[in-house]
């Protein structure tokens, strides 16, 4: 597929890297010659220096032959104009734009985006996606991540294996016998920075991050099996009332009756705006790093602290201060620089949220062909959790799992068949219209598409 990416920032770079490895023909455009050179030297893509809103620059990038254009510059208006030009002049069939402004995303103006007005096929809003992701984490205390698949009937959980985990150091095949009615499938772990696909004789170890595919209805039971008995937090402090913090508070107000939310926002005007927009949340105008402001927010009684400002260092420090005031509370920090993960355990921060990877995952699911619906990326896209429907031309139909000749680094997690969730064993037989959630290594995605006989978008 011929793909043009406009914007050579961290998101543009990550998307280009993953698409290049998947053997797509990628051209990246940016006004910064330094950023373009950096990308061109490190990955196999074509770099163009120039303004992506200029038709001549898009033409030079091969827009006439492009199958897709992905606009992820820092400017919403630029991203929208790029899609307009790609549609009007070059007839590019699929156009994806990153849009951050809440005004553009207001449902009241939903008619703005269509083939006649502004032809953007897919809108990616990082702030809204991050807010939803954090809400899912809060709904599943004890997990590092909680990702819905198959109409929310299947979940992928990321679970930290601590010293209290009763499942550690037991071979996986024995776990199946110990919990015969538990509908869960442990597919792999991140161990010492590397992802390992686990086999039946492998064991979970202390400090692993396990990736488990489950029947959504067994969420609490699964967490108990892993030794996690944390209760859903009812007293929450959000530091930073920007788009992420505001949307998270708004979502929580709408979905939970008895949650008590406090927000600390440094900018007085912004604090007043969100205080008027929110119904039950308490908004405090002040600095989340000021101990007196934290005391005003009754930090001692808060159960979960979410540091969601635009400053990575402030978010890290806010979590450290919260732990100092009142140990054993859950802390989550928003960070854009991946190297902060090295400090996570020493600073006793429970979770770090990287908005870049959420944006990349959301874009990738629209790049994959046909019936692939949901993508969740691990380790900068080296592995992906994918959801795909088996169509009538798939060679998997009527084959047993053990006879399906799946590559060794593709693992089936769970299947939704009509309303039934199936955790497959070796004798499981695939059927047409099965919705399959599986794990695949990035360089095997072409084999995935062949197996599922996925048609082009």
Protein backbone atom coordinates (compact mmCIF):
# COMPACT_ATOMS: atom_id res chain seq x y z
CA UNK A 1 0.00 0.00 0.00
CA UNK A 2 1.23 3.54 -0.80
CA UNK A 3 0.85 5.72 2.29
CA UNK A 4 1.73 9.38 2.86
CA UNK A 5 2.28 10.61 6.43
CA UNK A 6 2.18 14.36 7.05
CA UNK A 7 4.07 15.25 10.24
CA UNK A 8 7.42 13.84 11.32
CA UNK A 9 6.93 14.20 15.08
CA UNK A 10 6.91 11.28 17.53
CA UNK A 11 3.56 9.94 16.32
CA UNK A 12 4.46 10.31 12.64
CA UNK A 13 7.79 8.59 13.24
CA UNK A 14 6.20 5.68 15.12
CA UNK A 15 3.56 5.12 12.43
CA UNK A 16 6.16 5.32 9.64
CA UNK A 17 8.38 2.83 11.44
CA UNK A 18 5.63 0.27 11.88
CA UNK A 19 4.24 0.62 8.36
CA UNK A 20 7.70 0.38 6.84
CA UNK A 21 8.38 -2.90 8.66
CA UNK A 22 5.06 -4.20 7.28
CA UNK A 23 6.45 -3.54 3.75
CA UNK A 24 4.16 -0.62 2.92
CA UNK A 25 5.59 2.12 0.69
CA UNK A 26 5.76 5.14 3.02
CA UNK A 27 6.50 8.80 2.27
CA UNK A 28 6.70 11.31 5.11
CA UNK A 29 6.33 15.10 4.75
CA UNK A 30 7.45 17.76 7.22
CA UNK A 31 8.72 21.34 7.13
CA UNK A 32 11.64 20.42 9.39
CA UNK A 33 14.53 19.17 7.28
CA UNK A 34 16.18 17.93 10.47
CA UNK A 35 13.19 15.73 11.42
CA UNK A 36 12.82 14.39 7.87
CA UNK A 37 16.52 13.57 7.67
CA UNK A 38 16.42 11.80 11.03
CA UNK A 39 13.54 9.59 9.92
CA UNK A 40 14.99 8.90 6.46
CA UNK A 41 18.29 7.79 7.99
CA UNK A 42 16.74 5.46 10.58
CA UNK A 43 13.92 3.74 8.66
CA UNK A 44 13.18 2.80 5.06
CA UNK A 45 10.86 5.65 4.05
CA UNK A 46 11.01 8.48 1.54
CA UNK A 47 11.31 11.94 3.12
CA UNK A 48 9.97 15.18 1.62
CA UNK A 49 10.75 18.60 3.14
CA UNK A 50 7.90 21.04 2.59
CA UNK A 51 4.41 22.19 3.57
CA UNK A 52 1.92 19.35 3.30
CA UNK A 53 -0.87 21.83 2.47
CA UNK A 54 0.84 22.69 -0.83
CA UNK A 55 -0.57 20.56 -3.70
CA UNK A 56 2.85 20.55 -5.36
CA UNK A 57 4.42 19.01 -2.24
CA UNK A 58 1.72 16.33 -2.05
CA UNK A 59 2.20 15.62 -5.74
CA UNK A 60 5.94 15.25 -5.23
CA UNK A 61 5.18 12.81 -2.40
CA UNK A 62 3.18 10.64 -4.81
CA UNK A 63 -0.36 11.63 -3.85
CA UNK A 64 -1.68 10.58 -7.29
CA UNK A 65 -0.81 6.96 -6.49
CA UNK A 66 -1.47 7.09 -2.72
CA UNK A 67 -3.96 4.66 -1.15
CA UNK A 68 -4.04 6.56 2.13
CA UNK A 69 -2.93 9.82 3.70
CA UNK A 70 -2.36 10.22 7.45
CA UNK A 71 -2.20 13.83 8.69
CA UNK A 72 -0.63 14.03 12.15
CA UNK A 73 1.00 17.48 12.15
CA UNK A 74 0.75 19.58 15.32
CA UNK A 75 -1.98 21.76 13.77
CA UNK A 76 -5.62 20.62 13.45
CA UNK A 77 -6.39 23.02 10.62
CA UNK A 78 -3.37 21.82 8.62
CA UNK A 79 -4.46 18.20 9.06
CA UNK A 80 -7.96 18.99 7.82
CA UNK A 81 -6.73 20.99 4.81
CA UNK A 82 -4.33 18.17 3.86
CA UNK A 83 -7.30 15.76 3.76
CA UNK A 84 -9.34 18.23 1.71
CA UNK A 85 -6.58 18.64 -0.91
CA UNK A 86 -5.88 14.89 -0.97
CA UNK A 87 -9.58 14.31 -1.71
CA UNK A 88 -10.31 17.17 -4.12
CA UNK A 89 -7.19 17.06 -6.27
CA UNK A 90 -5.68 13.60 -5.88
CA UNK A 91 -8.77 11.46 -5.09
CA UNK A 92 -6.97 9.65 -2.23
CA UNK A 93 -9.45 7.03 -1.04
CA UNK A 94 -8.70 7.00 2.70
CA UNK A 95 -7.86 10.12 4.75
CA UNK A 96 -7.01 10.09 8.45
CA UNK A 97 -6.54 13.27 10.51
CA UNK A 98 -5.44 13.82 14.10
CA UNK A 99 -7.71 16.52 15.58
CA UNK A 100 -7.23 17.80 19.13
CA UNK A 101 -9.52 20.82 19.42
CA UNK A 102 -12.66 19.98 21.38
CA UNK A 103 -14.60 22.54 19.34
CA UNK A 104 -14.07 20.57 16.12
CA UNK A 105 -15.04 17.37 17.96
CA UNK A 106 -18.28 18.75 19.41
CA UNK A 107 -21.15 16.46 18.21
CA UNK A 108 -23.12 19.65 17.55
CA UNK A 109 -20.85 20.24 14.54
CA UNK A 110 -20.70 16.60 13.43
CA UNK A 111 -21.97 17.44 9.94
CA UNK A 112 -18.71 19.29 9.27
CA UNK A 113 -16.89 16.06 8.37
CA UNK A 114 -18.29 14.42 5.23
CA UNK A 115 -17.32 13.99 1.58
CA UNK A 116 -18.99 17.26 0.57
CA UNK A 117 -17.75 19.54 3.38
CA UNK A 118 -14.50 18.32 4.99
CA UNK A 119 -13.66 14.85 3.62
CA UNK A 120 -11.93 13.27 6.63
CA UNK A 121 -12.71 9.54 6.76
CA UNK A 122 -11.23 8.88 10.19
CA UNK A 123 -10.73 11.39 13.02
CA UNK A 124 -8.20 10.49 15.70
CA UNK A 125 -8.50 12.46 18.94
CA UNK A 126 -5.61 11.53 21.28
CA UNK A 127 -7.04 13.35 24.30
CA UNK A 128 -10.42 11.61 24.08
CA UNK A 129 -8.79 8.21 23.55
CA UNK A 130 -6.42 8.67 26.49
CA UNK A 131 -9.34 9.71 28.74
CA UNK A 132 -11.24 6.55 27.73
CA UNK A 133 -8.18 4.38 28.29
CA UNK A 134 -7.57 5.78 31.78
CA UNK A 135 -11.23 5.25 32.63
CA UNK A 136 -10.87 1.58 31.64
CA UNK A 137 -7.85 1.30 33.94
CA UNK A 138 -9.88 2.72 36.83
CA UNK A 139 -12.67 0.24 36.13
CA UNK A 140 -10.23 -2.67 36.49
CA UNK A 141 -8.01 -1.91 39.51
CA UNK A 142 -5.11 -4.33 39.62
CA UNK A 143 -4.50 -4.07 35.87
CA UNK A 144 -2.01 -1.91 34.00
CA UNK A 145 -4.34 -1.92 31.02
CA UNK A 146 -7.83 -3.09 30.15
CA UNK A 147 -8.64 -3.20 26.42
CA UNK A 148 -12.05 -4.19 25.03
CA UNK A 149 -12.43 -6.46 21.99
CA UNK A 150 -15.34 -8.18 20.21
CA UNK A 151 -18.15 -5.78 21.17
CA UNK A 152 -16.67 -5.54 24.70
CA UNK A 153 -17.36 -9.24 25.32
CA UNK A 154 -13.65 -10.07 25.34
CA UNK A 155 -10.95 -8.11 27.17
CA UNK A 156 -7.17 -8.08 27.03
CA UNK A 157 -5.69 -7.36 30.45
CA UNK A 158 -2.13 -6.30 31.22
CA UNK A 159 -1.38 -7.51 34.76
CA UNK A 160 1.77 -6.97 36.82
CA UNK A 161 2.97 -10.17 38.49
CA UNK A 162 3.97 -9.23 42.04
CA UNK A 163 5.24 -11.29 44.95
CA UNK A 164 1.69 -12.03 46.12
CA UNK A 165 0.58 -13.55 42.81
CA UNK A 166 -0.52 -17.15 43.54
CA UNK A 167 -0.09 -18.13 39.88
CA UNK A 168 3.64 -17.42 39.60
CA UNK A 169 6.11 -20.30 39.22
CA UNK A 170 3.38 -22.75 38.17
CA UNK A 171 3.46 -24.20 34.61
CA UNK A 172 0.62 -22.83 32.49
CA UNK A 173 -0.80 -26.29 31.71
CA UNK A 174 -1.24 -26.88 35.46
CA UNK A 175 -3.04 -23.54 35.81
CA UNK A 176 -5.61 -24.77 33.30
CA UNK A 177 -6.28 -27.82 35.49
CA UNK A 178 -6.41 -25.71 38.66
CA UNK A 179 -8.94 -23.26 37.17
CA UNK A 180 -10.86 -25.40 34.62
CA UNK A 181 -13.83 -23.03 34.39
CA UNK A 182 -11.84 -19.79 34.25
CA UNK A 183 -12.24 -18.36 30.74
CA UNK A 184 -8.80 -16.78 30.43
CA UNK A 185 -5.79 -17.30 28.20
CA UNK A 186 -2.28 -16.10 29.15
CA UNK A 187 -0.61 -15.38 25.80
CA UNK A 188 2.67 -13.79 26.79
CA UNK A 189 4.69 -11.56 29.09
CA UNK A 190 7.08 -8.67 28.95
CA UNK A 191 10.13 -9.89 30.89
CA UNK A 192 13.25 -7.73 31.26
CA UNK A 193 12.14 -5.53 28.36
CA UNK A 194 11.45 -8.39 25.93
CA UNK A 195 8.14 -9.92 24.92
CA UNK A 196 7.91 -13.69 25.33
CA UNK A 197 5.10 -15.84 23.95
CA UNK A 198 4.44 -18.43 26.63
CA UNK A 199 4.10 -22.16 25.97
CA UNK A 200 2.24 -24.68 28.09
CA UNK A 201 5.25 -25.58 30.27
CA UNK A 202 6.34 -21.95 30.85
CA UNK A 203 5.73 -20.12 34.14
CA UNK A 204 4.87 -16.59 35.21
CA UNK A 205 7.67 -14.89 37.14
CA UNK A 206 7.89 -12.00 39.59
CA UNK A 207 8.06 -8.61 37.78
CA UNK A 208 6.50 -10.00 34.58
CA UNK A 209 3.82 -7.98 32.84
CA UNK A 210 1.35 -10.63 31.71
CA UNK A 211 -1.05 -10.24 28.78
CA UNK A 212 -4.24 -12.18 29.37
CA UNK A 213 -7.29 -12.52 27.09
CA UNK A 214 -10.50 -13.16 29.05
CA UNK A 215 -14.27 -13.39 28.93
CA UNK A 216 -15.27 -9.87 30.01
CA UNK A 217 -17.84 -11.23 32.45
CA UNK A 218 -15.00 -12.84 34.44
CA UNK A 219 -12.96 -9.69 34.97
CA UNK A 220 -13.13 -9.66 38.79
CA UNK A 221 -12.66 -13.40 39.06
CA UNK A 222 -9.57 -13.28 36.85
CA UNK A 223 -8.02 -10.49 38.90
CA UNK A 224 -8.66 -12.46 42.12
CA UNK A 225 -6.92 -15.47 40.60
CA UNK A 226 -3.87 -13.24 40.00
CA UNK A 227 -3.97 -12.06 43.63
CA UNK A 228 -5.46 -8.61 42.97
CA UNK A 229 -8.22 -7.63 45.38
CA UNK A 230 -8.12 -3.87 44.88
CA UNK A 231 -11.45 -2.05 45.03
CA UNK A 232 -12.57 0.49 42.43
CA UNK A 233 -11.47 3.94 43.63
CA UNK A 234 -14.26 6.26 44.77
CA UNK A 235 -12.06 9.22 45.75
CA UNK A 236 -10.05 10.47 42.78
CA UNK A 237 -7.71 13.44 42.37
CA UNK A 238 -6.92 14.68 38.85
CA UNK A 239 -3.97 17.05 38.53
CA UNK A 240 -4.37 18.99 35.29
CA UNK A 241 -7.70 20.16 33.91
CA UNK A 242 -6.76 20.08 30.23
CA UNK A 243 -8.69 18.10 27.63
CA UNK A 244 -7.66 14.72 29.06
CA UNK A 245 -8.40 15.56 32.70
CA UNK A 246 -11.66 17.30 31.84
CA UNK A 247 -12.94 14.52 29.57
CA UNK A 248 -11.99 11.86 32.11
CA UNK A 249 -13.90 13.68 34.88
CA UNK A 250 -16.89 14.17 32.58
CA UNK A 251 -16.92 10.47 31.58
CA UNK A 252 -16.65 9.36 35.22
CA UNK A 253 -19.49 11.65 36.26
CA UNK A 254 -21.72 10.15 33.57
CA UNK A 255 -20.83 6.49 34.22
CA UNK A 256 -20.39 6.30 38.01
CA UNK A 257 -22.82 7.45 40.68
CA UNK A 258 -20.77 7.48 43.87
CA UNK A 259 -17.34 8.64 42.66
CA UNK A 260 -15.93 11.84 44.24
CA UNK A 261 -13.62 13.75 41.89
CA UNK A 262 -11.35 16.69 42.64
CA UNK A 263 -9.34 18.50 39.96
CA UNK A 264 -6.36 20.79 40.52
CA UNK A 265 -5.86 23.20 37.62
CA UNK A 266 -3.13 25.87 37.60
CA UNK A 267 -4.73 28.24 35.07
CA UNK A 268 -7.50 30.28 36.71
CA UNK A 269 -9.51 30.87 33.53
CA UNK A 270 -9.37 27.16 32.60
CA UNK A 271 -10.35 26.19 36.16
CA UNK A 272 -13.45 28.38 35.93
CA UNK A 273 -14.42 26.94 32.52
CA UNK A 274 -14.25 23.29 33.59
CA UNK A 275 -15.93 24.05 36.94
CA UNK A 276 -18.93 25.39 34.99
CA UNK A 277 -18.95 22.39 32.63
CA UNK A 278 -18.72 19.67 35.29
CA UNK A 279 -21.65 18.83 37.53
CA UNK A 280 -20.28 17.14 40.64
CA UNK A 281 -16.49 17.50 40.49
CA UNK A 282 -14.69 19.98 42.75
CA UNK A 283 -12.20 22.19 40.89
CA UNK A 284 -9.32 23.80 42.80
CA UNK A 285 -7.29 26.57 41.17
CA UNK A 286 -3.67 25.96 42.13
CA UNK A 287 -0.40 24.15 41.47
CA UNK A 288 -0.49 20.36 41.87
CA UNK A 289 3.12 20.48 43.10
CA UNK A 290 2.25 22.86 45.95
CA UNK A 291 1.94 20.93 49.20
CA UNK A 292 -0.61 23.38 50.59
CA UNK A 293 -2.83 22.89 47.52
CA UNK A 294 -2.55 19.11 47.91
CA UNK A 295 -3.58 19.46 51.56
CA UNK A 296 -6.55 21.58 50.47
CA UNK A 297 -7.55 18.68 48.19
CA UNK A 298 -7.36 16.33 51.23
CA UNK A 299 -4.64 14.25 49.60
CA UNK A 300 -4.56 11.87 52.59
CA UNK A 301 -8.03 10.51 51.83
CA UNK A 302 -7.58 10.27 48.04
CA UNK A 303 -7.42 6.68 46.72
CA UNK A 304 -6.14 7.34 43.17
CA UNK A 305 -4.05 10.27 41.87
CA UNK A 306 -3.93 10.97 38.13
CA UNK A 307 -1.28 13.47 36.99
CA UNK A 308 -2.42 14.59 33.53
CA UNK A 309 -0.77 17.95 32.84
CA UNK A 310 1.13 18.73 29.63
CA UNK A 311 4.47 18.51 31.49
CA UNK A 312 6.02 15.05 31.97
CA UNK A 313 8.27 16.17 34.84
CA UNK A 314 5.37 17.80 36.70
CA UNK A 315 3.33 14.61 36.34
CA UNK A 316 6.16 12.45 37.69
CA UNK A 317 6.77 14.82 40.62
CA UNK A 318 3.06 15.09 41.44
CA UNK A 319 2.86 11.29 41.80
CA UNK A 320 6.00 11.24 43.97
CA UNK A 321 4.52 13.95 46.23
CA UNK A 322 1.23 12.08 46.48
CA UNK A 323 3.07 8.94 47.59
CA UNK A 324 5.01 10.97 50.15
CA UNK A 325 1.82 12.39 51.69
CA UNK A 326 -0.07 9.14 51.77
CA UNK A 327 1.65 5.86 50.83
CA UNK A 328 -0.14 2.94 49.14
CA UNK A 329 -2.47 5.02 46.97
CA UNK A 330 -2.61 4.32 43.23
CA UNK A 331 -0.71 6.83 41.09
CA UNK A 332 -0.89 7.23 37.31
CA UNK A 333 1.23 9.72 35.34
CA UNK A 334 0.86 10.88 31.74
CA UNK A 335 4.29 10.87 30.04
CA UNK A 336 5.29 11.51 26.44
CA UNK A 337 8.91 10.38 26.81
CA UNK A 338 9.29 6.60 26.88
CA UNK A 339 12.56 6.63 28.89
CA UNK A 340 10.64 7.58 32.06
CA UNK A 341 9.57 3.94 32.29
CA UNK A 342 13.07 3.22 33.64
CA UNK A 343 12.24 5.31 36.73
CA UNK A 344 8.75 3.93 37.32
CA UNK A 345 9.51 1.27 39.93
CA UNK A 346 12.12 3.30 41.84
CA UNK A 347 9.70 6.24 42.13
CA UNK A 348 6.82 3.93 43.15
CA UNK A 349 4.51 5.13 40.37
CA UNK A 350 1.91 2.49 39.58
CA UNK A 351 1.38 3.29 35.93
CA UNK A 352 2.68 5.50 33.13
CA UNK A 353 0.39 6.40 30.22
CA UNK A 354 1.93 7.11 26.80
CA UNK A 355 -0.58 8.98 24.58
CA UNK A 356 1.61 8.47 21.52
CA UNK A 357 1.15 4.69 21.45
CA UNK A 358 -2.62 5.03 21.86
CA UNK A 359 -2.72 7.33 18.84
CA UNK A 360 -0.54 4.93 16.83
CA UNK A 361 -2.73 1.93 17.76
CA UNK A 362 -5.86 3.83 16.73
CA UNK A 363 -4.39 4.74 13.37
CA UNK A 364 -3.02 1.26 12.65
CA UNK A 365 -6.41 -0.40 12.93
CA UNK A 366 -7.49 1.67 9.92
CA UNK A 367 -4.39 0.70 7.93
CA UNK A 368 -4.93 -3.04 8.27
CA UNK A 369 -7.06 -4.57 5.58
CA UNK A 370 -10.69 -5.60 5.59
CA UNK A 371 -12.13 -7.36 8.62
CA UNK A 372 -9.42 -6.41 11.12
CA UNK A 373 -11.22 -4.17 13.62
CA UNK A 374 -9.16 -3.49 16.72
CA UNK A 375 -5.43 -3.18 17.23
CA UNK A 376 -3.42 -2.81 20.42
CA UNK A 377 0.32 -2.36 20.01
CA UNK A 378 3.07 -3.59 22.32
CA UNK A 379 6.74 -2.56 22.46
CA UNK A 380 6.43 0.19 19.86
CA UNK A 381 4.38 -2.07 17.58
CA UNK A 382 6.64 -5.13 17.61
CA UNK A 383 3.59 -7.19 18.60
CA UNK A 384 -0.10 -6.47 18.08
CA UNK A 385 -3.35 -7.75 19.53
CA UNK A 386 -5.81 -7.98 16.66
CA UNK A 387 -9.50 -8.73 16.21
CA UNK A 388 -10.64 -10.19 12.89
CA UNK A 389 -13.69 -11.94 11.52
CA UNK A 390 -13.35 -15.23 9.64
CA UNK A 391 -14.97 -14.83 6.22
CA UNK A 392 -16.05 -17.60 3.86
CA UNK A 393 -12.81 -17.58 1.84
CA UNK A 394 -10.55 -18.13 4.88
CA UNK A 395 -8.51 -21.33 4.84
CA UNK A 396 -9.14 -21.63 8.60
CA UNK A 397 -12.80 -22.61 8.18
CA UNK A 398 -13.55 -26.14 9.46
CA UNK A 399 -9.93 -26.62 10.58
CA UNK A 400 -8.93 -27.62 14.08
CA UNK A 401 -6.61 -25.18 15.84
CA UNK A 402 -3.85 -27.81 16.05
CA UNK A 403 -4.10 -28.38 12.26
CA UNK A 404 -4.28 -24.75 11.20
CA UNK A 405 -0.53 -24.29 10.57
CA UNK A 406 -0.45 -20.96 12.35
CA UNK A 407 3.04 -19.40 12.52
CA UNK A 408 4.53 -19.99 15.97
CA UNK A 409 4.36 -16.28 16.85
CA UNK A 410 0.64 -16.01 16.17
CA UNK A 411 -1.43 -17.04 19.19
CA UNK A 412 -5.22 -17.26 19.35
CA UNK A 413 -6.59 -15.72 22.55
CA UNK A 414 -10.39 -16.05 22.40
CA UNK A 415 -13.28 -16.34 19.95
CA UNK A 416 -16.71 -14.74 19.95
CA UNK A 417 -19.18 -17.08 18.19
CA UNK A 418 -22.63 -15.47 18.12
CA UNK A 419 -23.03 -14.73 21.86
CA UNK A 420 -20.59 -17.37 23.17
CA UNK A 421 -17.02 -16.71 24.31
CA UNK A 422 -14.64 -19.60 23.57
CA UNK A 423 -11.13 -20.00 24.96
CA UNK A 424 -9.78 -22.37 22.31
CA UNK A 425 -8.03 -25.67 23.00
CA UNK A 426 -6.17 -27.74 20.40
CA UNK A 427 -9.37 -29.45 19.13
CA UNK A 428 -11.25 -26.16 18.61
CA UNK A 429 -12.68 -25.90 15.05
CA UNK A 430 -12.94 -22.50 13.31
CA UNK A 431 -16.25 -21.50 11.73
CA UNK A 432 -17.40 -18.77 9.36
CA UNK A 433 -18.20 -15.46 11.14
CA UNK A 434 -16.11 -16.34 14.21
CA UNK A 435 -14.67 -13.13 15.68
CA UNK A 436 -11.11 -14.01 16.65
CA UNK A 437 -8.88 -12.09 19.09
CA UNK A 438 -5.22 -13.03 18.64
CA UNK A 439 -1.63 -11.93 19.12
CA UNK A 440 0.74 -11.55 16.18
CA UNK A 441 4.29 -10.39 15.64
CA UNK A 442 4.50 -7.32 13.41
CA UNK A 443 6.47 -9.01 10.61
CA UNK A 444 3.84 -11.75 10.30
CA UNK A 445 0.91 -9.49 9.46
CA UNK A 446 0.97 -10.45 5.77
CA UNK A 447 0.54 -14.10 6.81
CA UNK A 448 -2.33 -13.00 9.05
CA UNK A 449 -4.05 -11.33 6.12
CA UNK A 450 -3.55 -14.42 3.96
CA UNK A 451 -4.90 -16.74 6.66
CA UNK A 452 -8.04 -14.70 7.09
CA UNK A 453 -8.33 -14.00 3.35
CA UNK A 454 -8.85 -10.35 4.17
CA UNK A 455 -9.93 -8.20 1.26
CA UNK A 456 -8.53 -4.70 0.72
CA UNK A 457 -10.32 -1.76 2.30
